Amino acid sequence: MEWSSFSGAEVTALAQGESFFADPGERECPACGRRSVRAYVNVPESARRPTLVSYVWCSACHRFVGTRARHPEGLVFSDPLATLAAEERRELERSLVGFLAHLDRLWDEGVLPQTFAAA
């Protein structure tokens, strides 16, 4: 399975509309048009500042983008990977393709999308 990055214009299109925090369900893909864009966010343990790492990908055409941003104050969310041991988490994240495939399985199993709330 070949993965590629969303183009700049596609990333801009993904940022339009309601936030994944407000509506965490699947979105229409700006590259292929299918409703199969998914997102996952987490807080890296090693971050010195309040940081969110976001992964946004299309399960249909295998495009993705990853970003780091400031963690919005008061935002709390579920993280099904938070219970993994540090070594298990590192192993999972060692391969981006494997990591995205794992996240896709979690969506297909109903574990994702995440839930978001203001604290």
PDB file of N, CA and C in Angstrom:
ATOM      1  N   MET A   1       0.851  -1.178   0.000  1.00  0.00           N
ATOM      2  CA  MET A   1       0.000   0.000   0.000  1.00  0.00           C
ATOM      3  C   MET A   1       0.895   1.240   0.000  1.00  0.00           C
ATOM      4  N   GLU A   2       0.773   2.046  -1.008  1.00  0.00           N
ATOM      5  CA  GLU A   2       1.585   3.262  -1.162  1.00  0.00           C
ATOM      6  C   GLU A   2       0.870   4.459  -0.541  1.00  0.00           C
ATOM      7  N   TRP A   3       1.568   5.205   0.303  1.00  0.00           N
ATOM      8  CA  TRP A   3       1.033   6.412   0.921  1.00  0.00           C
ATOM      9  C   TRP A   3       1.752   7.623   0.369  1.00  0.00           C
ATOM     10  N   SER A   4       1.037   8.750   0.285  1.00  0.00           N
ATOM     11  CA  SER A   4       1.652   9.998  -0.139  1.00  0.00           C
ATOM     12  C   SER A   4       1.034  11.150   0.661  1.00  0.00           C
ATOM     13  N   SER A   5       1.694  12.278   0.609  1.00  0.00           N
ATOM     14  CA  SER A   5       1.230  13.450   1.356  1.00  0.00           C
ATOM     15  C   SER A   5       0.115  14.171   0.619  1.00  0.00           C
ATOM     16  N   PHE A   6      -0.794  14.776   1.385  1.00  0.00           N
ATOM     17  CA  PHE A   6      -1.758  15.685   0.789  1.00  0.00           C
ATOM     18  C   PHE A   6      -0.977  16.870   0.241  1.00  0.00           C
ATOM     19  N   SER A   7      -1.452  17.469  -0.854  1.00  0.00           N
ATOM     20  CA  SER A   7      -0.831  18.678  -1.387  1.00  0.00           C
ATOM     21  C   SER A   7      -1.167  19.855  -0.476  1.00  0.00           C
ATOM     22  N   GLY A   8      -0.493  20.965  -0.655  1.00  0.00           N
ATOM     23  CA  GLY A   8      -0.777  22.165   0.119  1.00  0.00           C
ATOM     24  C   GLY A   8      -2.219  22.609  -0.029  1.00  0.00           C
ATOM     25  N   ALA A   9      -2.733  22.575  -1.246  1.00  0.00           N
ATOM     26  CA  ALA A   9      -4.126  22.968  -1.488  1.00  0.00           C
ATOM     27  C   ALA A   9      -5.091  22.006  -0.799  1.00  0.00           C
ATOM     28  N   GLU A  10      -4.750  20.720  -0.783  1.00  0.00           N
ATOM     29  CA  GLU A  10      -5.607  19.732  -0.125  1.00  0.00           C
ATOM     30  C   GLU A  10      -5.596  19.926   1.396  1.00  0.00           C
ATOM     31  N   VAL A  11      -4.428  20.256   1.956  1.00  0.00           N
ATOM     32  CA  VAL A  11      -4.338  20.527   3.396  1.00  0.00           C
ATOM     33  C   VAL A  11      -5.191  21.751   3.741  1.00  0.00           C
ATOM     34  N   THR A  12      -5.128  22.778   2.898  1.00  0.00           N
ATOM     35  CA  THR A  12      -5.953  23.976   3.095  1.00  0.00           C
ATOM     36  C   THR A  12      -7.431  23.603   3.069  1.00  0.00           C
ATOM     37  N   ALA A  13      -7.820  22.762   2.124  1.00  0.00           N
ATOM     38  CA  ALA A  13      -9.221  22.327   2.024  1.00  0.00           C
ATOM     39  C   ALA A  13      -9.638  21.540   3.266  1.00  0.00           C
ATOM     40  N   LEU A  14      -8.732  20.721   3.794  1.00  0.00           N
ATOM     41  CA  LEU A  14      -9.040  19.943   5.002  1.00  0.00           C
ATOM     42  C   LEU A  14      -9.295  20.843   6.208  1.00  0.00           C
ATOM     43  N   ALA A  15      -8.637  21.989   6.227  1.00  0.00           N
ATOM     44  CA  ALA A  15      -8.757  22.914   7.359  1.00  0.00           C
ATOM     45  C   ALA A  15     -10.040  23.737   7.311  1.00  0.00           C
ATOM     46  N   GLN A  16     -10.782  23.669   6.215  1.00  0.00           N
ATOM     47  CA  GLN A  16     -12.033  24.407   6.078  1.00  0.00           C
ATOM     48  C   GLN A  16     -13.143  23.678   6.822  1.00  0.00           C
ATOM     49  N   GLY A  17     -14.155  24.392   7.204  1.00  0.00           N
ATOM     50  CA  GLY A  17     -15.305  23.766   7.851  1.00  0.00           C
ATOM     51  C   GLY A  17     -15.082  23.527   9.328  1.00  0.00           C
ATOM     52  N   GLU A  18     -15.934  22.690   9.893  1.00  0.00           N
ATOM     53  CA  GLU A  18     -15.912  22.448  11.330  1.00  0.00           C
ATOM     54  C   GLU A  18     -14.667  21.662  11.755  1.00  0.00           C
ATOM     55  N   SER A  19     -14.153  21.999  12.904  1.00  0.00           N
ATOM     56  CA  SER A  19     -12.968  21.355  13.467  1.00  0.00           C
ATOM     57  C   SER A  19     -13.246  19.882  13.765  1.00  0.00           C
ATOM     58  N   PHE A  20     -12.212  19.053  13.678  1.00  0.00           N
ATOM     59  CA  PHE A  20     -12.342  17.650  14.070  1.00  0.00           C
ATOM     60  C   PHE A  20     -12.694  17.543  15.551  1.00  0.00           C
ATOM     61  N   PHE A  21     -12.330  18.550  16.355  1.00  0.00           N
ATOM     62  CA  PHE A  21     -12.674  18.533  17.780  1.00  0.00           C
ATOM     63  C   PHE A  21     -14.182  18.657  17.973  1.00  0.00           C
ATOM     64  N   ALA A  22     -14.833  19.471  17.131  1.00  0.00           N
ATOM     65  CA  ALA A  22     -16.276  19.680  17.228  1.00  0.00           C
ATOM     66  C   ALA A  22     -17.058  18.559  16.543  1.00  0.00           C
ATOM     67  N   ASP A  23     -16.485  18.010  15.474  1.00  0.00           N
ATOM     68  CA  ASP A  23     -17.152  16.955  14.703  1.00  0.00           C
ATOM     69  C   ASP A  23     -16.094  15.933  14.287  1.00  0.00           C
ATOM     70  N   PRO A  24     -15.812  14.958  15.157  1.00  0.00           N
ATOM     71  CA  PRO A  24     -14.693  14.047  14.912  1.00  0.00           C
ATOM     72  C   PRO A  24     -14.930  12.939  13.883  1.00  0.00           C
ATOM     73  N   GLY A  25     -16.046  12.928  13.212  1.00  0.00           N
ATOM     74  CA  GLY A  25     -16.321  11.878  12.220  1.00  0.00           C
ATOM     75  C   GLY A  25     -15.522  12.034  10.940  1.00  0.00           C
ATOM     76  N   GLU A  26     -15.754  11.128  10.023  1.00  0.00           N
ATOM     77  CA  GLU A  26     -15.048  11.156   8.739  1.00  0.00           C
ATOM     78  C   GLU A  26     -15.459  12.371   7.909  1.00  0.00           C
ATOM     79  N   ARG A  27     -14.529  12.799   7.071  1.00  0.00           N
ATOM     80  CA  ARG A  27     -14.733  13.959   6.183  1.00  0.00           C
ATOM     81  C   ARG A  27     -14.541  13.538   4.737  1.00  0.00           C
ATOM     82  N   GLU A  28     -14.987  14.410   3.845  1.00  0.00           N
ATOM     83  CA  GLU A  28     -14.759  14.184   2.416  1.00  0.00           C
ATOM     84  C   GLU A  28     -13.307  14.495   2.086  1.00  0.00           C
ATOM     85  N   CYS A  29     -12.699  13.632   1.312  1.00  0.00           N
ATOM     86  CA  CYS A  29     -11.299  13.806   0.931  1.00  0.00           C
ATOM     87  C   CYS A  29     -11.184  14.796  -0.227  1.00  0.00           C
ATOM     88  N   PRO A  30     -10.329  15.816  -0.070  1.00  0.00           N
ATOM     89  CA  PRO A  30     -10.160  16.778  -1.161  1.00  0.00           C
ATOM     90  C   PRO A  30      -9.386  16.186  -2.342  1.00  0.00           C
ATOM     91  N   ALA A  31      -8.758  15.035  -2.153  1.00  0.00           N
ATOM     92  CA  ALA A  31      -7.992  14.411  -3.238  1.00  0.00           C
ATOM     93  C   ALA A  31      -8.843  13.445  -4.063  1.00  0.00           C
ATOM     94  N   CYS A  32      -9.595  12.567  -3.389  1.00  0.00           N
ATOM     95  CA  CYS A  32     -10.342  11.543  -4.128  1.00  0.00           C
ATOM     96  C   CYS A  32     -11.860  11.716  -4.063  1.00  0.00           C
ATOM     97  N   GLY A  33     -12.349  12.604  -3.171  1.00  0.00           N
ATOM     98  CA  GLY A  33     -13.774  12.871  -3.084  1.00  0.00           C
ATOM     99  C   GLY A  33     -14.569  11.908  -2.215  1.00  0.00           C
ATOM    100  N   ARG A  34     -13.948  10.854  -1.723  1.00  0.00           N
ATOM    101  CA  ARG A  34     -14.672   9.897  -0.873  1.00  0.00           C
ATOM    102  C   ARG A  34     -14.749  10.401   0.566  1.00  0.00           C
ATOM    103  N   ARG A  35     -15.770  10.010   1.271  1.00  0.00           N
ATOM    104  CA  ARG A  35     -15.927  10.396   2.681  1.00  0.00           C
ATOM    105  C   ARG A  35     -15.134   9.390   3.515  1.00  0.00           C
ATOM    106  N   SER A  36     -13.825   9.577   3.549  1.00  0.00           N
ATOM    107  CA  SER A  36     -12.959   8.609   4.227  1.00  0.00           C
ATOM    108  C   SER A  36     -11.733   9.255   4.868  1.00  0.00           C
ATOM    109  N   VAL A  37     -11.812  10.567   5.125  1.00  0.00           N
ATOM    110  CA  VAL A  37     -10.724  11.251   5.828  1.00  0.00           C
ATOM    111  C   VAL A  37     -10.959  11.091   7.324  1.00  0.00           C
ATOM    112  N   ARG A  38      -9.937  10.632   8.005  1.00  0.00           N
ATOM    113  CA  ARG A  38     -10.002  10.348   9.435  1.00  0.00           C
ATOM    114  C   ARG A  38      -8.898  11.112  10.152  1.00  0.00           C
ATOM    115  N   ALA A  39      -9.060  11.295  11.461  1.00  0.00           N
ATOM    116  CA  ALA A  39      -8.050  12.031  12.230  1.00  0.00           C
ATOM    117  C   ALA A  39      -7.812  11.361  13.575  1.00  0.00           C
ATOM    118  N   TYR A  40      -6.596  11.542  14.071  1.00  0.00           N
ATOM    119  CA  TYR A  40      -6.205  11.070  15.401  1.00  0.00           C
ATOM    120  C   TYR A  40      -5.243  12.103  15.974  1.00  0.00           C
ATOM    121  N   VAL A  41      -5.428  12.468  17.237  1.00  0.00           N
ATOM    122  CA  VAL A  41      -4.514  13.403  17.897  1.00  0.00           C
ATOM    123  C   VAL A  41      -4.001  12.783  19.191  1.00  0.00           C
ATOM    124  N   ASN A  42      -2.803  13.199  19.563  1.00  0.00           N
ATOM    125  CA  ASN A  42      -2.269  12.771  20.849  1.00  0.00           C
ATOM    126  C   ASN A  42      -1.333  13.832  21.393  1.00  0.00           C
ATOM    127  N   VAL A  43      -0.974  13.674  22.643  1.00  0.00           N
ATOM    128  CA  VAL A  43      -0.040  14.573  23.317  1.00  0.00           C
ATOM    129  C   VAL A  43       1.247  13.790  23.508  1.00  0.00           C
ATOM    130  N   PRO A  44       2.325  14.180  22.837  1.00  0.00           N
ATOM    131  CA  PRO A  44       3.579  13.430  22.987  1.00  0.00           C
ATOM    132  C   PRO A  44       4.163  13.596  24.389  1.00  0.00           C
ATOM    133  N   GLU A  45       4.613  12.487  24.959  1.00  0.00           N
ATOM    134  CA  GLU A  45       5.201  12.522  26.304  1.00  0.00           C
ATOM    135  C   GLU A  45       6.415  13.434  26.383  1.00  0.00           C
ATOM    136  N   SER A  46       7.178  13.477  25.310  1.00  0.00           N
ATOM    137  CA  SER A  46       8.436  14.222  25.316  1.00  0.00           C
ATOM    138  C   SER A  46       8.279  15.726  25.107  1.00  0.00           C
ATOM    139  N   ALA A  47       7.067  16.197  24.872  1.00  0.00           N
ATOM    140  CA  ALA A  47       6.854  17.625  24.595  1.00  0.00           C
ATOM    141  C   ALA A  47       7.161  18.482  25.824  1.00  0.00           C
ATOM    142  N   ARG A  48       7.881  19.551  25.606  1.00  0.00           N
ATOM    143  CA  ARG A  48       8.210  20.481  26.693  1.00  0.00           C
ATOM    144  C   ARG A  48       7.110  21.505  26.917  1.00  0.00           C
ATOM    145  N   ARG A  49       6.312  21.720  25.887  1.00  0.00           N
ATOM    146  CA  ARG A  49       5.191  22.657  25.958  1.00  0.00           C
ATOM    147  C   ARG A  49       3.908  21.886  25.677  1.00  0.00           C
ATOM    148  N   PRO A  50       2.752  22.451  26.007  1.00  0.00           N
ATOM    149  CA  PRO A  50       1.483  21.767  25.687  1.00  0.00           C
ATOM    150  C   PRO A  50       1.338  21.621  24.166  1.00  0.00           C
ATOM    151  N   THR A  51       1.534  20.413  23.665  1.00  0.00           N
ATOM    152  CA  THR A  51       1.585  20.159  22.228  1.00  0.00           C
ATOM    153  C   THR A  51       0.616  19.051  21.834  1.00  0.00           C
ATOM    154  N   LEU A  52      -0.031  19.232  20.693  1.00  0.00           N
ATOM    155  CA  LEU A  52      -0.852  18.192  20.077  1.00  0.00           C
ATOM    156  C   LEU A  52      -0.184  17.754  18.791  1.00  0.00           C
ATOM    157  N   VAL A  53      -0.108  16.467  18.576  1.00  0.00           N
ATOM    158  CA  VAL A  53       0.333  15.921  17.300  1.00  0.00           C
ATOM    159  C   VAL A  53      -0.914  15.350  16.632  1.00  0.00           C
ATOM    160  N   SER A  54      -1.172  15.783  15.416  1.00  0.00           N
ATOM    161  CA  SER A  54      -2.362  15.344  14.680  1.00  0.00           C
ATOM    162  C   SER A  54      -1.959  14.551  13.452  1.00  0.00           C
ATOM    163  N   TYR A  55      -2.682  13.487  13.218  1.00  0.00           N
ATOM    164  CA  TYR A  55      -2.536  12.699  11.995  1.00  0.00           C
ATOM    165  C   TYR A  55      -3.884  12.748  11.298  1.00  0.00           C
ATOM    166  N   VAL A  56      -3.885  13.151  10.029  1.00  0.00           N
ATOM    167  CA  VAL A  56      -5.107  13.183   9.228  1.00  0.00           C
ATOM    168  C   VAL A  56      -4.799  12.387   7.967  1.00  0.00           C
ATOM    169  N   TRP A  57      -5.658  11.420   7.653  1.00  0.00           N
ATOM    170  CA  TRP A  57      -5.374  10.548   6.516  1.00  0.00           C
ATOM    171  C   TRP A  57      -6.670  10.131   5.836  1.00  0.00           C
ATOM    172  N   CYS A  58      -6.532   9.727   4.580  1.00  0.00           N
ATOM    173  CA  CYS A  58      -7.657   9.211   3.813  1.00  0.00           C
ATOM    174  C   CYS A  58      -7.476   7.697   3.694  1.00  0.00           C
ATOM    175  N   SER A  59      -8.432   6.955   4.207  1.00  0.00           N
ATOM    176  CA  SER A  59      -8.332   5.500   4.159  1.00  0.00           C
ATOM    177  C   SER A  59      -8.584   4.959   2.755  1.00  0.00           C
ATOM    178  N   ALA A  60      -9.119   5.781   1.864  1.00  0.00           N
ATOM    179  CA  ALA A  60      -9.411   5.340   0.494  1.00  0.00           C
ATOM    180  C   ALA A  60      -8.221   5.542  -0.449  1.00  0.00           C
ATOM    181  N   CYS A  61      -7.655   6.763  -0.479  1.00  0.00           N
ATOM    182  CA  CYS A  61      -6.586   7.047  -1.451  1.00  0.00           C
ATOM    183  C   CYS A  61      -5.199   7.112  -0.811  1.00  0.00           C
ATOM    184  N   HIS A  62      -5.131   6.895   0.500  1.00  0.00           N
ATOM    185  CA  HIS A  62      -3.863   6.805   1.236  1.00  0.00           C
ATOM    186  C   HIS A  62      -2.999   8.055   1.144  1.00  0.00           C
ATOM    187  N   ARG A  63      -3.650   9.198   1.340  1.00  0.00           N
ATOM    188  CA  ARG A  63      -2.909  10.444   1.504  1.00  0.00           C
ATOM    189  C   ARG A  63      -2.974  10.811   2.978  1.00  0.00           C
ATOM    190  N   PHE A  64      -1.983  11.553   3.449  1.00  0.00           N
ATOM    191  CA  PHE A  64      -1.951  11.897   4.866  1.00  0.00           C
ATOM    192  C   PHE A  64      -1.220  13.206   5.092  1.00  0.00           C
ATOM    193  N   VAL A  65      -1.418  13.753   6.289  1.00  0.00           N
ATOM    194  CA  VAL A  65      -0.652  14.907   6.748  1.00  0.00           C
ATOM    195  C   VAL A  65      -0.538  14.776   8.263  1.00  0.00           C
ATOM    196  N   GLY A  66       0.604  15.146   8.775  1.00  0.00           N
ATOM    197  CA  GLY A  66       0.820  15.167  10.210  1.00  0.00           C
ATOM    198  C   GLY A  66       1.229  16.576  10.621  1.00  0.00           C
ATOM    199  N   THR A  67       0.737  17.035  11.752  1.00  0.00           N
ATOM    200  CA  THR A  67       1.067  18.388  12.202  1.00  0.00           C
ATOM    201  C   THR A  67       1.294  18.402  13.709  1.00  0.00           C
ATOM    202  N   ARG A  68       2.010  19.409  14.152  1.00  0.00           N
ATOM    203  CA  ARG A  68       2.175  19.700  15.575  1.00  0.00           C
ATOM    204  C   ARG A  68       1.607  21.086  15.805  1.00  0.00           C
ATOM    205  N   ALA A  69       0.883  21.241  16.895  1.00  0.00           N
ATOM    206  CA  ALA A  69       0.286  22.540  17.224  1.00  0.00           C
ATOM    207  C   ALA A  69       0.191  22.670  18.738  1.00  0.00           C
ATOM    208  N   ARG A  70      -0.067  23.880  19.170  1.00  0.00           N
ATOM    209  CA  ARG A  70      -0.258  24.124  20.596  1.00  0.00           C
ATOM    210  C   ARG A  70      -1.521  23.406  21.058  1.00  0.00           C
ATOM    211  N   HIS A  71      -1.454  22.757  22.202  1.00  0.00           N
ATOM    212  CA  HIS A  71      -2.612  22.076  22.771  1.00  0.00           C
ATOM    213  C   HIS A  71      -3.578  23.135  23.295  1.00  0.00           C
ATOM    214  N   PRO A  72      -4.775  23.232  22.709  1.00  0.00           N
ATOM    215  CA  PRO A  72      -5.729  24.240  23.182  1.00  0.00           C
ATOM    216  C   PRO A  72      -6.034  24.042  24.672  1.00  0.00           C
ATOM    217  N   GLU A  73      -5.942  25.110  25.418  1.00  0.00           N
ATOM    218  CA  GLU A  73      -6.164  25.049  26.861  1.00  0.00           C
ATOM    219  C   GLU A  73      -7.562  24.505  27.159  1.00  0.00           C
ATOM    220  N   GLY A  74      -7.623  23.540  28.056  1.00  0.00           N
ATOM    221  CA  GLY A  74      -8.893  22.973  28.471  1.00  0.00           C
ATOM    222  C   GLY A  74      -9.415  21.846  27.593  1.00  0.00           C
ATOM    223  N   LEU A  75      -8.762  21.552  26.482  1.00  0.00           N
ATOM    224  CA  LEU A  75      -9.224  20.479  25.602  1.00  0.00           C
ATOM    225  C   LEU A  75      -8.810  19.128  26.181  1.00  0.00           C
ATOM    226  N   VAL A  76      -9.788  18.285  26.427  1.00  0.00           N
ATOM    227  CA  VAL A  76      -9.518  16.921  26.873  1.00  0.00           C
ATOM    228  C   VAL A  76     -10.109  15.966  25.849  1.00  0.00           C
ATOM    229  N   PHE A  77      -9.492  14.807  25.696  1.00  0.00           N
ATOM    230  CA  PHE A  77      -9.958  13.868  24.694  1.00  0.00           C
ATOM    231  C   PHE A  77      -9.559  12.447  25.053  1.00  0.00           C
ATOM    232  N   SER A  78     -10.301  11.513  24.483  1.00  0.00           N
ATOM    233  CA  SER A  78      -9.995  10.101  24.662  1.00  0.00           C
ATOM    234  C   SER A  78      -8.781   9.751  23.805  1.00  0.00           C
ATOM    235  N   ASP A  79      -7.989   8.792  24.262  1.00  0.00           N
ATOM    236  CA  ASP A  79      -6.851   8.319  23.476  1.00  0.00           C
ATOM    237  C   ASP A  79      -6.714   6.821  23.700  1.00  0.00           C
ATOM    238  N   PRO A  80      -7.212   6.017  22.753  1.00  0.00           N
ATOM    239  CA  PRO A  80      -7.155   4.573  22.926  1.00  0.00           C
ATOM    240  C   PRO A  80      -5.727   4.018  22.964  1.00  0.00           C
ATOM    241  N   LEU A  81      -4.740   4.800  22.550  1.00  0.00           N
ATOM    242  CA  LEU A  81      -3.358   4.334  22.579  1.00  0.00           C
ATOM    243  C   LEU A  81      -2.650   4.709  23.876  1.00  0.00           C
ATOM    244  N   ALA A  82      -3.305   5.485  24.730  1.00  0.00           N
ATOM    245  CA  ALA A  82      -2.677   5.962  25.970  1.00  0.00           C
ATOM    246  C   ALA A  82      -2.338   4.826  26.929  1.00  0.00           C
ATOM    247  N   THR A  83      -3.002   3.701  26.801  1.00  0.00           N
ATOM    248  CA  THR A  83      -2.755   2.588  27.718  1.00  0.00           C
ATOM    249  C   THR A  83      -1.575   1.714  27.288  1.00  0.00           C
ATOM    250  N   LEU A  84      -1.027   1.975  26.104  1.00  0.00           N
ATOM    251  CA  LEU A  84       0.114   1.180  25.633  1.00  0.00           C
ATOM    252  C   LEU A  84       1.364   1.493  26.448  1.00  0.00           C
ATOM    253  N   ALA A  85       2.169   0.489  26.675  1.00  0.00           N
ATOM    254  CA  ALA A  85       3.467   0.695  27.314  1.00  0.00           C
ATOM    255  C   ALA A  85       4.337   1.512  26.368  1.00  0.00           C
ATOM    256  N   ALA A  86       5.275   2.277  26.916  1.00  0.00           N
ATOM    257  CA  ALA A  86       6.116   3.171  26.104  1.00  0.00           C
ATOM    258  C   ALA A  86       6.807   2.416  24.972  1.00  0.00           C
ATOM    259  N   GLU A  87       7.355   1.248  25.241  1.00  0.00           N
ATOM    260  CA  GLU A  87       8.053   0.474  24.201  1.00  0.00           C
ATOM    261  C   GLU A  87       7.082   0.011  23.115  1.00  0.00           C
ATOM    262  N   GLU A  88       5.895  -0.402  23.528  1.00  0.00           N
ATOM    263  CA  GLU A  88       4.878  -0.833  22.577  1.00  0.00           C
ATOM    264  C   GLU A  88       4.466   0.339  21.677  1.00  0.00           C
ATOM    265  N   ARG A  89       4.323   1.514  22.262  1.00  0.00           N
ATOM    266  CA  ARG A  89       3.960   2.711  21.512  1.00  0.00           C
ATOM    267  C   ARG A  89       5.060   3.078  20.510  1.00  0.00           C
ATOM    268  N   ARG A  90       6.323   3.058  20.962  1.00  0.00           N
ATOM    269  CA  ARG A  90       7.452   3.357  20.055  1.00  0.00           C
ATOM    270  C   ARG A  90       7.490   2.383  18.892  1.00  0.00           C
ATOM    271  N   GLU A  91       7.273   1.113  19.171  1.00  0.00           N
ATOM    272  CA  GLU A  91       7.277   0.092  18.111  1.00  0.00           C
ATOM    273  C   GLU A  91       6.167   0.365  17.104  1.00  0.00           C
ATOM    274  N   LEU A  92       4.996   0.714  17.590  1.00  0.00           N
ATOM    275  CA  LEU A  92       3.860   1.008  16.720  1.00  0.00           C
ATOM    276  C   LEU A  92       4.147   2.219  15.833  1.00  0.00           C
ATOM    277  N   GLU A  93       4.782   3.252  16.405  1.00  0.00           N
ATOM    278  CA  GLU A  93       5.048   4.485  15.669  1.00  0.00           C
ATOM    279  C   GLU A  93       6.315   4.422  14.814  1.00  0.00           C
ATOM    280  N   ARG A  94       7.048   3.342  14.920  1.00  0.00           N
ATOM    281  CA  ARG A  94       8.307   3.207  14.160  1.00  0.00           C
ATOM    282  C   ARG A  94       8.085   3.322  12.653  1.00  0.00           C
ATOM    283  N   SER A  95       6.957   2.820  12.179  1.00  0.00           N
ATOM    284  CA  SER A  95       6.621   2.878  10.752  1.00  0.00           C
ATOM    285  C   SER A  95       5.343   3.690  10.589  1.00  0.00           C
ATOM    286  N   LEU A  96       5.419   4.796   9.870  1.00  0.00           N
ATOM    287  CA  LEU A  96       4.233   5.630   9.657  1.00  0.00           C
ATOM    288  C   LEU A  96       3.136   4.832   8.954  1.00  0.00           C
ATOM    289  N   VAL A  97       3.507   4.044   7.965  1.00  0.00           N
ATOM    290  CA  VAL A  97       2.518   3.239   7.228  1.00  0.00           C
ATOM    291  C   VAL A  97       1.845   2.250   8.177  1.00  0.00           C
ATOM    292  N   GLY A  98       2.625   1.588   9.015  1.00  0.00           N
ATOM    293  CA  GLY A  98       2.064   0.646   9.980  1.00  0.00           C
ATOM    294  C   GLY A  98       1.192   1.341  11.010  1.00  0.00           C
ATOM    295  N   PHE A  99       1.626   2.537  11.437  1.00  0.00           N
ATOM    296  CA  PHE A  99       0.867   3.308  12.417  1.00  0.00           C
ATOM    297  C   PHE A  99      -0.483   3.722  11.846  1.00  0.00           C
ATOM    298  N   LEU A 100      -0.491   4.239  10.622  1.00  0.00           N
ATOM    299  CA  LEU A 100      -1.754   4.638   9.993  1.00  0.00           C
ATOM    300  C   LEU A 100      -2.656   3.428   9.760  1.00  0.00           C
ATOM    301  N   ALA A 101      -2.077   2.291   9.399  1.00  0.00           N
ATOM    302  CA  ALA A 101      -2.868   1.067   9.219  1.00  0.00           C
ATOM    303  C   ALA A 101      -3.502   0.657  10.550  1.00  0.00           C
ATOM    304  N   HIS A 102      -2.759   0.793  11.642  1.00  0.00           N
ATOM    305  CA  HIS A 102      -3.289   0.478  12.972  1.00  0.00           C
ATOM    306  C   HIS A 102      -4.448   1.420  13.319  1.00  0.00           C
ATOM    307  N   LEU A 103      -4.270   2.723  13.060  1.00  0.00           N
ATOM    308  CA  LEU A 103      -5.334   3.687  13.325  1.00  0.00           C
ATOM    309  C   LEU A 103      -6.573   3.375  12.483  1.00  0.00           C
ATOM    310  N   ASP A 104      -6.367   2.974  11.221  1.00  0.00           N
ATOM    311  CA  ASP A 104      -7.488   2.596  10.358  1.00  0.00           C
ATOM    312  C   ASP A 104      -8.256   1.417  10.963  1.00  0.00           C
ATOM    313  N   ARG A 105      -7.525   0.418  11.464  1.00  0.00           N
ATOM    314  CA  ARG A 105      -8.185  -0.734  12.090  1.00  0.00           C
ATOM    315  C   ARG A 105      -9.017  -0.290  13.300  1.00  0.00           C
ATOM    316  N   LEU A 106      -8.462   0.641  14.091  1.00  0.00           N
ATOM    317  CA  LEU A 106      -9.214   1.146  15.248  1.00  0.00           C
ATOM    318  C   LEU A 106     -10.511   1.831  14.817  1.00  0.00           C
ATOM    319  N   TRP A 107     -10.463   2.572  13.689  1.00  0.00           N
ATOM    320  CA  TRP A 107     -11.694   3.196  13.160  1.00  0.00           C
ATOM    321  C   TRP A 107     -12.671   2.104  12.730  1.00  0.00           C
ATOM    322  N   ASP A 108     -12.175   1.137  11.981  1.00  0.00           N
ATOM    323  CA  ASP A 108     -13.051   0.083  11.466  1.00  0.00           C
ATOM    324  C   ASP A 108     -13.678  -0.730  12.599  1.00  0.00           C
ATOM    325  N   GLU A 109     -12.971  -0.847  13.722  1.00  0.00           N
ATOM    326  CA  GLU A 109     -13.473  -1.583  14.886  1.00  0.00           C
ATOM    327  C   GLU A 109     -14.354  -0.719  15.793  1.00  0.00           C
ATOM    328  N   GLY A 110     -14.467   0.590  15.496  1.00  0.00           N
ATOM    329  CA  GLY A 110     -15.303   1.486  16.287  1.00  0.00           C
ATOM    330  C   GLY A 110     -14.617   2.060  17.524  1.00  0.00           C
ATOM    331  N   VAL A 111     -13.304   1.839  17.675  1.00  0.00           N
ATOM    332  CA  VAL A 111     -12.549   2.393  18.799  1.00  0.00           C
ATOM    333  C   VAL A 111     -12.314   3.891  18.578  1.00  0.00           C
ATOM    334  N   LEU A 112     -12.062   4.283  17.353  1.00  0.00           N
ATOM    335  CA  LEU A 112     -11.957   5.668  16.937  1.00  0.00           C
ATOM    336  C   LEU A 112     -13.237   6.005  16.177  1.00  0.00           C
ATOM    337  N   PRO A 113     -13.690   7.229  16.081  1.00  0.00           N
ATOM    338  CA  PRO A 113     -12.978   8.463  16.394  1.00  0.00           C
ATOM    339  C   PRO A 113     -12.925   8.737  17.895  1.00  0.00           C
ATOM    340  N   GLN A 114     -12.045   9.633  18.220  1.00  0.00           N
ATOM    341  CA  GLN A 114     -11.897  10.080  19.593  1.00  0.00           C
ATOM    342  C   GLN A 114     -13.063  10.962  20.001  1.00  0.00           C
ATOM    343  N   THR A 115     -13.225  11.149  21.302  1.00  0.00           N
ATOM    344  CA  THR A 115     -14.215  12.092  21.812  1.00  0.00           C
ATOM    345  C   THR A 115     -13.457  13.277  22.402  1.00  0.00           C
ATOM    346  N   PHE A 116     -14.024  14.457  22.261  1.00  0.00           N
ATOM    347  CA  PHE A 116     -13.392  15.694  22.698  1.00  0.00           C
ATOM    348  C   PHE A 116     -14.354  16.472  23.590  1.00  0.00           C
ATOM    349  N   ALA A 117     -13.781  17.173  24.578  1.00  0.00           N
ATOM    350  CA  ALA A 117     -14.598  18.001  25.470  1.00  0.00           C
ATOM    351  C   ALA A 117     -13.737  19.121  26.028  1.00  0.00           C
ATOM    352  N   ALA A 118     -14.393  20.161  26.509  1.00  0.00           N
ATOM    353  CA  ALA A 118     -13.686  21.244  27.179  1.00  0.00           C
ATOM    354  C   ALA A 118     -13.706  20.950  28.680  1.00  0.00           C
ATOM    355  N   ALA A 119     -12.545  21.099  29.305  1.00  0.00           N
ATOM    356  CA  ALA A 119     -12.449  20.815  30.753  1.00  0.00           C
ATOM    357  C   ALA A 119     -12.995  21.976  31.557  1.00  0.00           C
TER     358      ALA A 119
END
